[in-house]
């Protein structure tokens, strides 16, 4: 069974998105909504990791390093200014897509296993990850005109 591999991938993905949201929060303190929302969304991902613990104990034997490499590539250096904000939000959006897909894959395994508890966890966390993604996309749309059209 390879469920443990994907649980490890998801756990590390949530860990990396937690760190990335916190990093963007610190780097863009001049944007009050960014600081507050990124802290909140970071806390959600941290909570998701806590919800994964029983399944990791049951099914997982190893951690994946793939998400850490992806986060490192996307957030290798702090960015500033309006374009830096757009790029950071864009990269956060990419990481949330990784997490969302992993929740979907694991939910399919939970359906196959008829594991009602895991299905409920996947549904809850997947819905919140979707909210993370939706907020990021909305904030990108809000910031893009200023960042890309107005010289600065």
Protein backbone atom coordinates (compact mmCIF):
# COMPACT_ATOMS: atom_id res chain seq x y z
CA UNK A 1 0.00 0.00 0.00
CA UNK A 2 1.35 3.42 -0.98
CA UNK A 3 -1.03 5.54 1.06
CA UNK A 4 1.75 6.23 3.54
CA UNK A 5 3.85 7.84 0.81
CA UNK A 6 1.10 10.33 -0.03
CA UNK A 7 0.35 11.02 3.62
CA UNK A 8 4.04 11.86 4.08
CA UNK A 9 3.93 14.06 0.98
CA UNK A 10 0.85 15.86 2.26
CA UNK A 11 2.25 16.30 5.76
CA UNK A 12 5.43 17.85 4.41
CA UNK A 13 3.43 19.98 1.95
CA UNK A 14 1.33 21.36 4.79
CA UNK A 15 4.52 21.97 6.77
CA UNK A 16 6.06 23.91 3.89
CA UNK A 17 2.93 25.97 3.23
CA UNK A 18 2.76 26.79 6.95
CA UNK A 19 6.32 28.13 6.74
CA UNK A 20 5.70 29.92 3.44
CA UNK A 21 2.59 31.74 4.71
CA UNK A 22 4.54 32.81 7.81
CA UNK A 23 7.45 33.99 5.66
CA UNK A 24 5.20 36.06 3.38
CA UNK A 25 3.49 37.50 6.46
CA UNK A 26 6.86 38.69 7.78
CA UNK A 27 8.12 40.02 4.44
CA UNK A 28 5.00 42.04 3.67
CA UNK A 29 4.17 43.57 7.07
CA UNK A 30 3.44 46.87 5.32
CA UNK A 31 0.31 45.21 3.89
CA UNK A 32 -1.90 44.70 6.99
CA UNK A 33 -4.31 42.30 5.30
CA UNK A 34 -1.41 40.19 4.04
CA UNK A 35 0.19 39.93 7.45
CA UNK A 36 -3.05 38.98 9.23
CA UNK A 37 -4.44 36.62 6.60
CA UNK A 38 -1.15 34.85 6.01
CA UNK A 39 -0.83 34.25 9.75
CA UNK A 40 -4.37 32.85 9.84
CA UNK A 41 -3.83 30.64 6.78
CA UNK A 42 -0.53 29.43 8.21
CA UNK A 43 -2.37 28.40 11.39
CA UNK A 44 -4.91 26.48 9.32
CA UNK A 45 -2.17 24.46 7.64
CA UNK A 46 -0.53 23.82 11.00
CA UNK A 47 -3.90 22.53 12.24
CA UNK A 48 -4.23 20.32 9.15
CA UNK A 49 -0.91 18.70 10.05
CA UNK A 50 -2.28 17.91 13.48
CA UNK A 51 -5.29 16.22 11.92
CA UNK A 52 -2.95 14.04 9.84
CA UNK A 53 -1.14 12.56 12.84
CA UNK A 54 -3.40 9.51 13.38
CA UNK A 55 -3.19 8.54 9.71
CA UNK A 56 0.57 9.05 9.59
CA UNK A 57 0.92 6.77 12.60
CA UNK A 58 -1.32 4.18 10.99
CA UNK A 59 -0.03 4.20 7.40
CA UNK A 60 3.19 6.18 6.94
CA UNK A 61 6.76 5.03 7.22
CA UNK A 62 8.67 7.82 5.50
CA UNK A 63 8.60 11.54 4.79
CA UNK A 64 8.82 13.09 1.36
CA UNK A 65 11.37 15.85 0.78
CA UNK A 66 9.75 17.01 -2.48
CA UNK A 67 7.67 19.82 -0.92
CA UNK A 68 10.70 21.24 0.90
CA UNK A 69 12.62 21.45 -2.37
CA UNK A 70 9.66 23.15 -4.06
CA UNK A 71 9.29 25.73 -1.27
CA UNK A 72 13.03 26.40 -1.31
CA UNK A 73 12.96 27.03 -5.06
CA UNK A 74 9.92 29.30 -4.88
CA UNK A 75 10.95 31.28 -1.80
CA UNK A 76 14.73 31.36 -2.10
CA UNK A 77 15.05 35.08 -1.29
CA UNK A 78 12.76 37.75 0.18
CA UNK A 79 10.93 39.89 -2.33
CA UNK A 80 9.73 43.41 -1.75
CA UNK A 81 7.44 45.91 -3.36
CA UNK A 82 4.21 45.37 -5.21
CA UNK A 83 5.73 43.00 -7.78
CA UNK A 84 7.38 41.01 -4.99
CA UNK A 85 4.01 40.70 -3.28
CA UNK A 86 2.41 39.38 -6.47
CA UNK A 87 5.21 36.84 -6.95
CA UNK A 88 4.97 35.67 -3.33
CA UNK A 89 1.19 35.30 -3.55
CA UNK A 90 1.60 33.47 -6.85
CA UNK A 91 4.07 31.04 -5.30
CA UNK A 92 1.80 30.51 -2.28
CA UNK A 93 -1.01 29.72 -4.71
CA UNK A 94 1.19 27.09 -6.39
CA UNK A 95 1.97 25.47 -3.04
CA UNK A 96 -1.71 25.42 -2.06
CA UNK A 97 -2.47 23.64 -5.34
CA UNK A 98 0.03 20.92 -4.34
CA UNK A 99 -1.71 20.57 -0.99
CA UNK A 100 -5.19 20.57 -2.57
CA UNK A 101 -4.28 17.82 -5.01
CA UNK A 102 -2.75 15.72 -2.22
CA UNK A 103 -5.94 16.02 -0.15
CA UNK A 104 -7.93 14.90 -3.20
CA UNK A 105 -5.71 11.86 -3.77
CA UNK A 106 -5.89 10.85 -0.11
CA UNK A 107 -9.66 11.34 -0.05
CA UNK A 108 -9.92 8.86 -2.92
CA UNK A 109 -7.89 6.36 -0.88
CA UNK A 110 -10.17 6.97 2.12
CA UNK A 111 -13.17 6.19 -0.08
CA UNK A 112 -11.53 2.95 -1.25
CA UNK A 113 -10.71 1.99 2.36
CA UNK A 114 -14.19 3.00 3.54
CA UNK A 115 -12.48 5.03 6.25
CA UNK A 116 -15.19 7.48 7.27
CA UNK A 117 -12.96 9.38 9.70
CA UNK A 118 -10.27 9.92 7.07
CA UNK A 119 -12.92 10.97 4.53
CA UNK A 120 -14.26 13.58 6.96
CA UNK A 121 -10.76 14.88 7.69
CA UNK A 122 -10.01 15.14 3.98
CA UNK A 123 -13.28 16.95 3.29
CA UNK A 124 -12.69 19.47 6.09
CA UNK A 125 -9.05 20.19 5.25
CA UNK A 126 -9.64 20.19 1.51
CA UNK A 127 -12.42 22.77 1.89
CA UNK A 128 -10.16 25.01 3.96
CA UNK A 129 -7.29 24.61 1.49
CA UNK A 130 -9.72 25.68 -1.24
CA UNK A 131 -10.49 28.79 0.83
CA UNK A 132 -6.74 29.48 1.08
CA UNK A 133 -6.44 29.17 -2.69
CA UNK A 134 -9.50 31.35 -3.31
CA UNK A 135 -8.22 34.09 -0.99
CA UNK A 136 -4.82 34.06 -2.68
CA UNK A 137 -6.36 34.30 -6.15
CA UNK A 138 -8.62 37.16 -5.06
CA UNK A 139 -5.72 39.04 -3.49
CA UNK A 140 -3.59 38.51 -6.60
CA UNK A 141 -6.38 39.94 -8.75
CA UNK A 142 -6.65 42.92 -6.42
CA UNK A 143 -2.90 43.66 -6.45
CA UNK A 144 -2.08 42.86 -10.08
CA UNK A 145 -3.23 46.11 -11.75
CA UNK A 146 -1.21 48.30 -9.39
CA UNK A 147 1.85 46.06 -9.50
CA UNK A 148 1.94 45.46 -13.24
CA UNK A 149 0.60 48.65 -14.81
CA UNK A 150 1.58 51.51 -12.51
CA UNK A 151 5.28 52.30 -12.64
CA UNK A 152 6.96 52.12 -9.30
